[in-house]
Amino acid sequence: DQIVTGVVDGQHVSIRHRWIMLYNDFLPNVGSVAALSFLLAYGMVGVADVVENDQARILAWMCAAFAAYGFLFNLLVGSVYIAYCASVLREAAKDSR
């Protein structure tokens, strides 16, 4: 919200600073959560392949599915939100000229 509104703790911030917030704060957060979810899903698939107990295998596949969903969700929603923020910032830059 701070990137879109341009207000941080009641203070207005410049468009340049909002771009910096997008690329140095939001993007690394979304990217790291997506990467962690992907690694967790990949690891759970590996666990499911080597486990011999059927119940443990099912649990590992379920964990892999939930982690994969988290990866896809962060990838999709993060991409849409980054595109939206970039659009808002471009419009704000155009309006400020």
N, C-alpha and C. Protein backbone atom coordinates (compact mmCIF):
# COMPACT_ATOMS: atom_id res chain seq x y z
N ASP A 1 0.82 -1.19 0.00
CA ASP A 1 0.00 0.00 0.00
C ASP A 1 0.87 1.26 0.00
N GLN A 2 1.99 1.22 0.68
CA GLN A 2 2.85 2.40 0.73
C GLN A 2 3.41 2.74 -0.64
N ILE A 3 3.67 1.73 -1.44
CA ILE A 3 4.20 1.97 -2.77
C ILE A 3 3.14 2.64 -3.64
N VAL A 4 1.91 2.18 -3.54
CA VAL A 4 0.83 2.72 -4.36
C VAL A 4 0.43 4.12 -3.89
N THR A 5 0.27 4.31 -2.59
CA THR A 5 -0.19 5.60 -2.08
C THR A 5 0.93 6.63 -2.02
N GLY A 6 2.14 6.20 -1.81
CA GLY A 6 3.25 7.13 -1.68
C GLY A 6 3.35 7.77 -0.31
N VAL A 7 2.67 7.17 0.67
CA VAL A 7 2.68 7.72 2.03
C VAL A 7 3.26 6.66 2.96
N VAL A 8 4.34 7.04 3.67
CA VAL A 8 4.98 6.15 4.63
C VAL A 8 5.01 6.87 5.97
N ASP A 9 4.33 6.29 6.95
CA ASP A 9 4.23 6.88 8.29
C ASP A 9 3.77 8.33 8.25
N GLY A 10 2.79 8.61 7.39
CA GLY A 10 2.23 9.95 7.29
C GLY A 10 3.05 10.92 6.44
N GLN A 11 4.17 10.49 5.93
CA GLN A 11 5.05 11.33 5.12
C GLN A 11 4.94 10.92 3.66
N HIS A 12 4.82 11.90 2.78
CA HIS A 12 4.82 11.60 1.35
C HIS A 12 6.25 11.32 0.90
N VAL A 13 6.41 10.30 0.07
CA VAL A 13 7.74 9.96 -0.45
C VAL A 13 7.74 10.17 -1.96
N SER A 14 8.91 10.37 -2.50
CA SER A 14 9.04 10.65 -3.93
C SER A 14 8.76 9.40 -4.76
N ILE A 15 8.51 9.63 -6.03
CA ILE A 15 8.27 8.51 -6.95
C ILE A 15 9.52 7.65 -7.05
N ARG A 16 10.67 8.28 -7.07
CA ARG A 16 11.93 7.52 -7.12
C ARG A 16 12.05 6.59 -5.92
N HIS A 17 11.71 7.10 -4.74
CA HIS A 17 11.79 6.29 -3.53
C HIS A 17 10.76 5.15 -3.58
N ARG A 18 9.61 5.39 -4.17
CA ARG A 18 8.60 4.34 -4.30
C ARG A 18 9.11 3.22 -5.21
N TRP A 19 9.82 3.57 -6.30
CA TRP A 19 10.43 2.55 -7.16
C TRP A 19 11.46 1.75 -6.37
N ILE A 20 12.25 2.46 -5.55
CA ILE A 20 13.25 1.78 -4.72
C ILE A 20 12.56 0.82 -3.75
N MET A 21 11.46 1.24 -3.16
CA MET A 21 10.71 0.36 -2.26
C MET A 21 10.19 -0.87 -3.00
N LEU A 22 9.75 -0.68 -4.24
CA LEU A 22 9.22 -1.81 -5.01
C LEU A 22 10.31 -2.82 -5.29
N TYR A 23 11.45 -2.36 -5.77
CA TYR A 23 12.52 -3.28 -6.18
C TYR A 23 13.41 -3.77 -5.05
N ASN A 24 13.50 -3.02 -3.96
CA ASN A 24 14.39 -3.42 -2.88
C ASN A 24 13.67 -3.93 -1.63
N ASP A 25 12.36 -3.85 -1.62
CA ASP A 25 11.60 -4.32 -0.46
C ASP A 25 10.58 -5.38 -0.87
N PHE A 26 9.65 -5.00 -1.73
CA PHE A 26 8.57 -5.92 -2.09
C PHE A 26 9.07 -7.08 -2.94
N LEU A 27 9.80 -6.79 -3.99
CA LEU A 27 10.26 -7.84 -4.90
C LEU A 27 11.11 -8.90 -4.21
N PRO A 28 12.10 -8.54 -3.38
CA PRO A 28 12.86 -9.59 -2.68
C PRO A 28 12.01 -10.41 -1.71
N ASN A 29 11.02 -9.77 -1.07
CA ASN A 29 10.16 -10.52 -0.16
C ASN A 29 9.34 -11.56 -0.90
N VAL A 30 8.71 -11.16 -1.99
CA VAL A 30 7.89 -12.10 -2.76
C VAL A 30 8.78 -13.18 -3.38
N GLY A 31 9.92 -12.78 -3.91
CA GLY A 31 10.83 -13.74 -4.53
C GLY A 31 11.37 -14.75 -3.55
N SER A 32 11.71 -14.31 -2.36
CA SER A 32 12.26 -15.25 -1.38
C SER A 32 11.18 -16.21 -0.86
N VAL A 33 9.97 -15.73 -0.67
CA VAL A 33 8.89 -16.63 -0.23
C VAL A 33 8.57 -17.64 -1.33
N ALA A 34 8.55 -17.18 -2.58
CA ALA A 34 8.29 -18.10 -3.70
C ALA A 34 9.41 -19.13 -3.81
N ALA A 35 10.65 -18.69 -3.69
CA ALA A 35 11.79 -19.62 -3.79
C ALA A 35 11.76 -20.63 -2.64
N LEU A 36 11.45 -20.17 -1.44
CA LEU A 36 11.38 -21.07 -0.30
C LEU A 36 10.26 -22.10 -0.49
N SER A 37 9.12 -21.65 -1.00
CA SER A 37 8.01 -22.58 -1.25
C SER A 37 8.39 -23.60 -2.31
N PHE A 38 9.10 -23.16 -3.35
CA PHE A 38 9.54 -24.08 -4.39
C PHE A 38 10.50 -25.13 -3.84
N LEU A 39 11.46 -24.68 -3.04
CA LEU A 39 12.43 -25.62 -2.47
C LEU A 39 11.75 -26.61 -1.51
N LEU A 40 10.78 -26.13 -0.75
CA LEU A 40 10.04 -27.02 0.14
C LEU A 40 9.26 -28.06 -0.67
N ALA A 41 8.61 -27.62 -1.74
CA ALA A 41 7.86 -28.56 -2.58
C ALA A 41 8.80 -29.58 -3.21
N TYR A 42 9.92 -29.12 -3.72
CA TYR A 42 10.91 -30.01 -4.34
C TYR A 42 11.43 -31.03 -3.32
N GLY A 43 11.72 -30.56 -2.11
CA GLY A 43 12.20 -31.45 -1.06
C GLY A 43 11.16 -32.48 -0.65
N MET A 44 9.90 -32.06 -0.57
CA MET A 44 8.85 -33.00 -0.20
C MET A 44 8.62 -34.05 -1.29
N VAL A 45 8.80 -33.68 -2.55
CA VAL A 45 8.71 -34.67 -3.62
C VAL A 45 9.82 -35.70 -3.46
N GLY A 46 11.02 -35.22 -3.11
CA GLY A 46 12.13 -36.14 -2.86
C GLY A 46 11.86 -37.06 -1.69
N VAL A 47 11.28 -36.52 -0.64
CA VAL A 47 10.94 -37.35 0.52
C VAL A 47 9.89 -38.38 0.12
N ALA A 48 8.89 -37.98 -0.63
CA ALA A 48 7.83 -38.90 -1.04
C ALA A 48 8.37 -40.05 -1.89
N ASP A 49 9.43 -39.79 -2.64
CA ASP A 49 10.01 -40.83 -3.49
C ASP A 49 10.77 -41.89 -2.70
N VAL A 50 11.32 -41.52 -1.56
CA VAL A 50 12.16 -42.48 -0.83
C VAL A 50 11.47 -43.12 0.37
N VAL A 51 10.35 -42.56 0.80
CA VAL A 51 9.65 -43.11 1.96
C VAL A 51 8.92 -44.39 1.56
N GLU A 52 8.99 -45.39 2.43
CA GLU A 52 8.36 -46.67 2.14
C GLU A 52 6.96 -46.78 2.74
N ASN A 53 6.68 -46.07 3.80
CA ASN A 53 5.36 -46.10 4.45
C ASN A 53 4.36 -45.32 3.59
N ASP A 54 3.24 -45.94 3.28
CA ASP A 54 2.24 -45.31 2.41
C ASP A 54 1.64 -44.05 3.03
N GLN A 55 1.39 -44.06 4.32
CA GLN A 55 0.83 -42.88 4.96
C GLN A 55 1.82 -41.72 4.95
N ALA A 56 3.08 -42.02 5.19
CA ALA A 56 4.10 -40.98 5.15
C ALA A 56 4.27 -40.44 3.73
N ARG A 57 4.16 -41.32 2.74
CA ARG A 57 4.27 -40.90 1.34
C ARG A 57 3.13 -39.95 0.97
N ILE A 58 1.91 -40.30 1.40
CA ILE A 58 0.76 -39.45 1.13
C ILE A 58 0.92 -38.09 1.80
N LEU A 59 1.39 -38.10 3.04
CA LEU A 59 1.61 -36.85 3.75
C LEU A 59 2.67 -35.99 3.05
N ALA A 60 3.74 -36.63 2.58
CA ALA A 60 4.79 -35.88 1.87
C ALA A 60 4.25 -35.28 0.57
N TRP A 61 3.43 -36.02 -0.16
CA TRP A 61 2.83 -35.49 -1.39
C TRP A 61 1.87 -34.34 -1.08
N MET A 62 1.13 -34.45 0.02
CA MET A 62 0.24 -33.36 0.40
C MET A 62 1.04 -32.10 0.75
N CYS A 63 2.13 -32.27 1.48
CA CYS A 63 2.99 -31.14 1.82
C CYS A 63 3.59 -30.53 0.56
N ALA A 64 3.99 -31.38 -0.37
CA ALA A 64 4.54 -30.89 -1.64
C ALA A 64 3.49 -30.10 -2.41
N ALA A 65 2.25 -30.59 -2.41
CA ALA A 65 1.18 -29.89 -3.13
C ALA A 65 0.90 -28.52 -2.50
N PHE A 66 0.84 -28.46 -1.17
CA PHE A 66 0.60 -27.18 -0.51
C PHE A 66 1.75 -26.20 -0.75
N ALA A 67 2.96 -26.67 -0.71
CA ALA A 67 4.11 -25.80 -0.97
C ALA A 67 4.12 -25.34 -2.42
N ALA A 68 3.78 -26.23 -3.34
CA ALA A 68 3.71 -25.84 -4.76
C ALA A 68 2.62 -24.80 -4.98
N TYR A 69 1.49 -24.94 -4.29
CA TYR A 69 0.44 -23.94 -4.36
C TYR A 69 0.95 -22.60 -3.85
N GLY A 70 1.70 -22.60 -2.76
CA GLY A 70 2.27 -21.36 -2.24
C GLY A 70 3.22 -20.72 -3.23
N PHE A 71 4.02 -21.55 -3.90
CA PHE A 71 4.94 -21.04 -4.91
C PHE A 71 4.16 -20.38 -6.05
N LEU A 72 3.18 -21.08 -6.58
CA LEU A 72 2.41 -20.54 -7.71
C LEU A 72 1.62 -19.31 -7.30
N PHE A 73 1.05 -19.32 -6.11
CA PHE A 73 0.30 -18.17 -5.63
C PHE A 73 1.19 -16.94 -5.53
N ASN A 74 2.36 -17.08 -4.91
CA ASN A 74 3.27 -15.95 -4.78
C ASN A 74 3.78 -15.48 -6.13
N LEU A 75 4.04 -16.42 -7.01
CA LEU A 75 4.51 -16.05 -8.34
C LEU A 75 3.44 -15.27 -9.09
N LEU A 76 2.21 -15.75 -9.07
CA LEU A 76 1.14 -15.09 -9.81
C LEU A 76 0.74 -13.75 -9.16
N VAL A 77 0.41 -13.78 -7.90
CA VAL A 77 -0.04 -12.56 -7.23
C VAL A 77 1.09 -11.53 -7.15
N GLY A 78 2.29 -11.99 -6.89
CA GLY A 78 3.43 -11.07 -6.86
C GLY A 78 3.66 -10.41 -8.19
N SER A 79 3.57 -11.18 -9.27
CA SER A 79 3.76 -10.61 -10.61
C SER A 79 2.68 -9.59 -10.94
N VAL A 80 1.44 -9.92 -10.62
CA VAL A 80 0.33 -9.00 -10.89
C VAL A 80 0.49 -7.73 -10.06
N TYR A 81 0.86 -7.86 -8.80
CA TYR A 81 0.99 -6.69 -7.95
C TYR A 81 2.18 -5.82 -8.38
N ILE A 82 3.27 -6.44 -8.79
CA ILE A 82 4.42 -5.67 -9.27
C ILE A 82 4.04 -4.91 -10.53
N ALA A 83 3.32 -5.56 -11.44
CA ALA A 83 2.88 -4.88 -12.67
C ALA A 83 1.94 -3.72 -12.33
N TYR A 84 1.04 -3.95 -11.36
CA TYR A 84 0.12 -2.89 -10.95
C TYR A 84 0.88 -1.71 -10.34
N CYS A 85 1.80 -2.00 -9.44
CA CYS A 85 2.59 -0.92 -8.81
C CYS A 85 3.40 -0.16 -9.86
N ALA A 86 3.99 -0.87 -10.80
CA ALA A 86 4.77 -0.21 -11.85
C ALA A 86 3.87 0.69 -12.69
N SER A 87 2.66 0.25 -12.98
CA SER A 87 1.71 1.06 -13.73
C SER A 87 1.34 2.32 -12.96
N VAL A 88 1.05 2.17 -11.66
CA VAL A 88 0.71 3.32 -10.83
C VAL A 88 1.87 4.30 -10.77
N LEU A 89 3.08 3.79 -10.62
CA LEU A 89 4.24 4.68 -10.53
C LEU A 89 4.52 5.38 -11.85
N ARG A 90 4.33 4.69 -12.97
CA ARG A 90 4.50 5.35 -14.27
C ARG A 90 3.47 6.46 -14.46
N GLU A 91 2.22 6.20 -14.06
CA GLU A 91 1.18 7.22 -14.17
C GLU A 91 1.49 8.40 -13.25
N ALA A 92 1.96 8.14 -12.05
CA ALA A 92 2.31 9.21 -11.12
C ALA A 92 3.45 10.05 -11.66
N ALA A 93 4.42 9.40 -12.31
CA ALA A 93 5.54 10.14 -12.90
C ALA A 93 5.05 10.99 -14.05
N LYS A 94 4.13 10.45 -14.84
CA LYS A 94 3.59 11.21 -15.98
C LYS A 94 2.79 12.42 -15.48
N ASP A 95 2.02 12.24 -14.41
CA ASP A 95 1.20 13.32 -13.86
C ASP A 95 2.03 14.39 -13.19
N SER A 96 3.19 14.04 -12.68
CA SER A 96 4.01 15.02 -11.95
C SER A 96 4.81 15.93 -12.87
N ARG A 97 4.83 15.61 -14.14
CA ARG A 97 5.59 16.47 -15.07
C ARG A 97 4.86 17.69 -15.46
